[in-house]
Amino acid sequence: MKHEHDYIREEGFYDRYSEPTIESCFSLWNACLFFNFHEALYGADTVSPSWILSFNPDFIDVCNLAGYDPHTVREKFIKLCNKKNKRR
């Protein structure tokens, strides 16, 4: 019996160079975390700083999937917010 991923391979969506790896998954979630971190810091309306500060369950999942400790990311976010506010 074939699985869904077997059909995907047969259709050529994957080759031996593009199959998902641990590193590519970390990179994806790292980019997601960086994007949201940047948006929350620099005032875009798409991401609220509370997403990070309140330990939103999605924030915790993204940190873990990116390979980072959520508490450490939150602390760094607070430090950057403080630096940003001092510049004003």
C-alpha atoms as a PDB file:
ATOM      1  CA  MET A   1       0.000   0.000   0.000  1.00  0.00           C
ATOM      2  CA  LYS A   2       1.357   3.394  -0.994  1.00  0.00           C
ATOM      3  CA  HIS A   3       1.345   6.438   1.236  1.00  0.00           C
ATOM      4  CA  GLU A   4       0.560   9.974   0.091  1.00  0.00           C
ATOM      5  CA  HIS A   5       4.219  10.972   0.170  1.00  0.00           C
ATOM      6  CA  ASP A   6       5.010   8.161  -2.288  1.00  0.00           C
ATOM      7  CA  TYR A   7       2.681   9.748  -4.851  1.00  0.00           C
ATOM      8  CA  ILE A   8       4.267  13.139  -4.268  1.00  0.00           C
ATOM      9  CA  ARG A   9       7.702  11.662  -4.964  1.00  0.00           C
ATOM     10  CA  GLU A  10       6.433   9.941  -8.112  1.00  0.00           C
ATOM     11  CA  GLU A  11       5.084  13.239  -9.423  1.00  0.00           C
ATOM     12  CA  GLY A  12       8.540  14.779  -9.072  1.00  0.00           C
ATOM     13  CA  PHE A  13       7.821  17.258  -6.309  1.00  0.00           C
ATOM     14  CA  TYR A  14      10.759  15.923  -4.356  1.00  0.00           C
ATOM     15  CA  ASP A  15      14.105  14.828  -5.557  1.00  0.00           C
ATOM     16  CA  ARG A  16      17.006  13.672  -3.500  1.00  0.00           C
ATOM     17  CA  TYR A  17      18.211  17.259  -3.074  1.00  0.00           C
ATOM     18  CA  SER A  18      14.956  18.862  -1.996  1.00  0.00           C
ATOM     19  CA  GLU A  19      13.481  16.471   0.526  1.00  0.00           C
ATOM     20  CA  PRO A  20      12.789  18.214   3.827  1.00  0.00           C
ATOM     21  CA  THR A  21      15.596  17.960   6.345  1.00  0.00           C
ATOM     22  CA  ILE A  22      15.913  18.926   9.980  1.00  0.00           C
ATOM     23  CA  GLU A  23      18.043  21.903   8.934  1.00  0.00           C
ATOM     24  CA  SER A  24      15.506  23.148   6.406  1.00  0.00           C
ATOM     25  CA  CYS A  25      12.732  22.883   8.992  1.00  0.00           C
ATOM     26  CA  PHE A  26      14.785  24.859  11.533  1.00  0.00           C
ATOM     27  CA  SER A  27      15.496  27.448   8.841  1.00  0.00           C
ATOM     28  CA  LEU A  28      11.824  27.795   7.993  1.00  0.00           C
ATOM     29  CA  TRP A  29      10.738  28.317  11.604  1.00  0.00           C
ATOM     30  CA  ASN A  30      13.737  30.568  12.268  1.00  0.00           C
ATOM     31  CA  ALA A  31      12.619  32.794   9.373  1.00  0.00           C
ATOM     32  CA  CYS A  32       9.064  32.796  10.716  1.00  0.00           C
ATOM     33  CA  LEU A  33      10.309  33.802  14.172  1.00  0.00           C
ATOM     34  CA  PHE A  34      12.597  36.507  12.768  1.00  0.00           C
ATOM     35  CA  PHE A  35       9.790  37.941  10.620  1.00  0.00           C
ATOM     36  CA  ASN A  36       7.379  38.152  13.552  1.00  0.00           C
ATOM     37  CA  PHE A  37      10.085  39.506  15.866  1.00  0.00           C
ATOM     38  CA  HIS A  38      10.895  42.243  13.335  1.00  0.00           C
ATOM     39  CA  GLU A  39       7.228  43.097  12.735  1.00  0.00           C
ATOM     40  CA  ALA A  40       6.519  43.315  16.467  1.00  0.00           C
ATOM     41  CA  LEU A  41       9.568  45.528  17.056  1.00  0.00           C
ATOM     42  CA  TYR A  42       9.146  47.964  14.208  1.00  0.00           C
ATOM     43  CA  GLY A  43       5.475  48.687  14.467  1.00  0.00           C
ATOM     44  CA  ALA A  44       3.777  46.792  11.701  1.00  0.00           C
ATOM     45  CA  ASP A  45       0.148  46.110  12.497  1.00  0.00           C
ATOM     46  CA  THR A  46       0.422  42.484  11.465  1.00  0.00           C
ATOM     47  CA  VAL A  47       2.101  41.300  14.693  1.00  0.00           C
ATOM     48  CA  SER A  48       1.487  42.564  18.191  1.00  0.00           C
ATOM     49  CA  PRO A  49       4.330  42.619  20.742  1.00  0.00           C
ATOM     50  CA  SER A  50       1.926  40.803  23.070  1.00  0.00           C
ATOM     51  CA  TRP A  51       2.377  37.743  20.842  1.00  0.00           C
ATOM     52  CA  ILE A  52       5.865  37.516  22.315  1.00  0.00           C
ATOM     53  CA  LEU A  53       5.388  39.102  25.726  1.00  0.00           C
ATOM     54  CA  SER A  54       2.378  37.031  26.796  1.00  0.00           C
ATOM     55  CA  PHE A  55       3.924  33.684  25.831  1.00  0.00           C
ATOM     56  CA  ASN A  56       1.231  33.006  23.295  1.00  0.00           C
ATOM     57  CA  PRO A  57       1.099  29.229  22.641  1.00  0.00           C
ATOM     58  CA  ASP A  58       1.858  29.847  18.948  1.00  0.00           C
ATOM     59  CA  PHE A  59       4.933  31.881  19.928  1.00  0.00           C
ATOM     60  CA  ILE A  60       6.165  29.038  22.128  1.00  0.00           C
ATOM     61  CA  ASP A  61       5.618  26.509  19.322  1.00  0.00           C
ATOM     62  CA  VAL A  62       7.458  28.664  16.772  1.00  0.00           C
ATOM     63  CA  CYS A  63      10.412  29.141  19.152  1.00  0.00           C
ATOM     64  CA  ASN A  64      10.619  25.428  19.839  1.00  0.00           C
ATOM     65  CA  LEU A  65      10.362  24.537  16.148  1.00  0.00           C
ATOM     66  CA  ALA A  66      13.106  27.083  15.386  1.00  0.00           C
ATOM     67  CA  GLY A  67      15.316  25.538  18.073  1.00  0.00           C
ATOM     68  CA  TYR A  68      15.162  28.454  20.527  1.00  0.00           C
ATOM     69  CA  ASP A  69      14.115  28.737  24.147  1.00  0.00           C
ATOM     70  CA  PRO A  70      10.982  30.979  24.302  1.00  0.00           C
ATOM     71  CA  HIS A  71      12.140  32.604  27.549  1.00  0.00           C
ATOM     72  CA  THR A  72      15.458  33.615  25.999  1.00  0.00           C
ATOM     73  CA  VAL A  73      13.760  35.006  22.890  1.00  0.00           C
ATOM     74  CA  ARG A  74      11.335  36.989  25.074  1.00  0.00           C
ATOM     75  CA  GLU A  75      14.220  38.415  27.150  1.00  0.00           C
ATOM     76  CA  LYS A  76      16.071  39.499  24.012  1.00  0.00           C
ATOM     77  CA  PHE A  77      12.892  41.055  22.650  1.00  0.00           C
ATOM     78  CA  ILE A  78      12.443  43.080  25.855  1.00  0.00           C
ATOM     79  CA  LYS A  79      16.076  44.266  25.687  1.00  0.00           C
ATOM     80  CA  LEU A  80      15.632  45.389  22.075  1.00  0.00           C
ATOM     81  CA  CYS A  81      12.380  47.182  22.939  1.00  0.00           C
ATOM     82  CA  ASN A  82      14.139  49.013  25.771  1.00  0.00           C
ATOM     83  CA  LYS A  83      16.991  50.070  23.458  1.00  0.00           C
ATOM     84  CA  LYS A  84      14.515  51.211  20.854  1.00  0.00           C
ATOM     85  CA  ASN A  85      12.586  53.279  23.406  1.00  0.00           C
ATOM     86  CA  LYS A  86      15.788  54.923  24.718  1.00  0.00           C
ATOM     87  CA  ARG A  87      16.618  56.147  21.200  1.00  0.00           C
ATOM     88  CA  ARG A  88      13.362  58.061  20.956  1.00  0.00           C
END
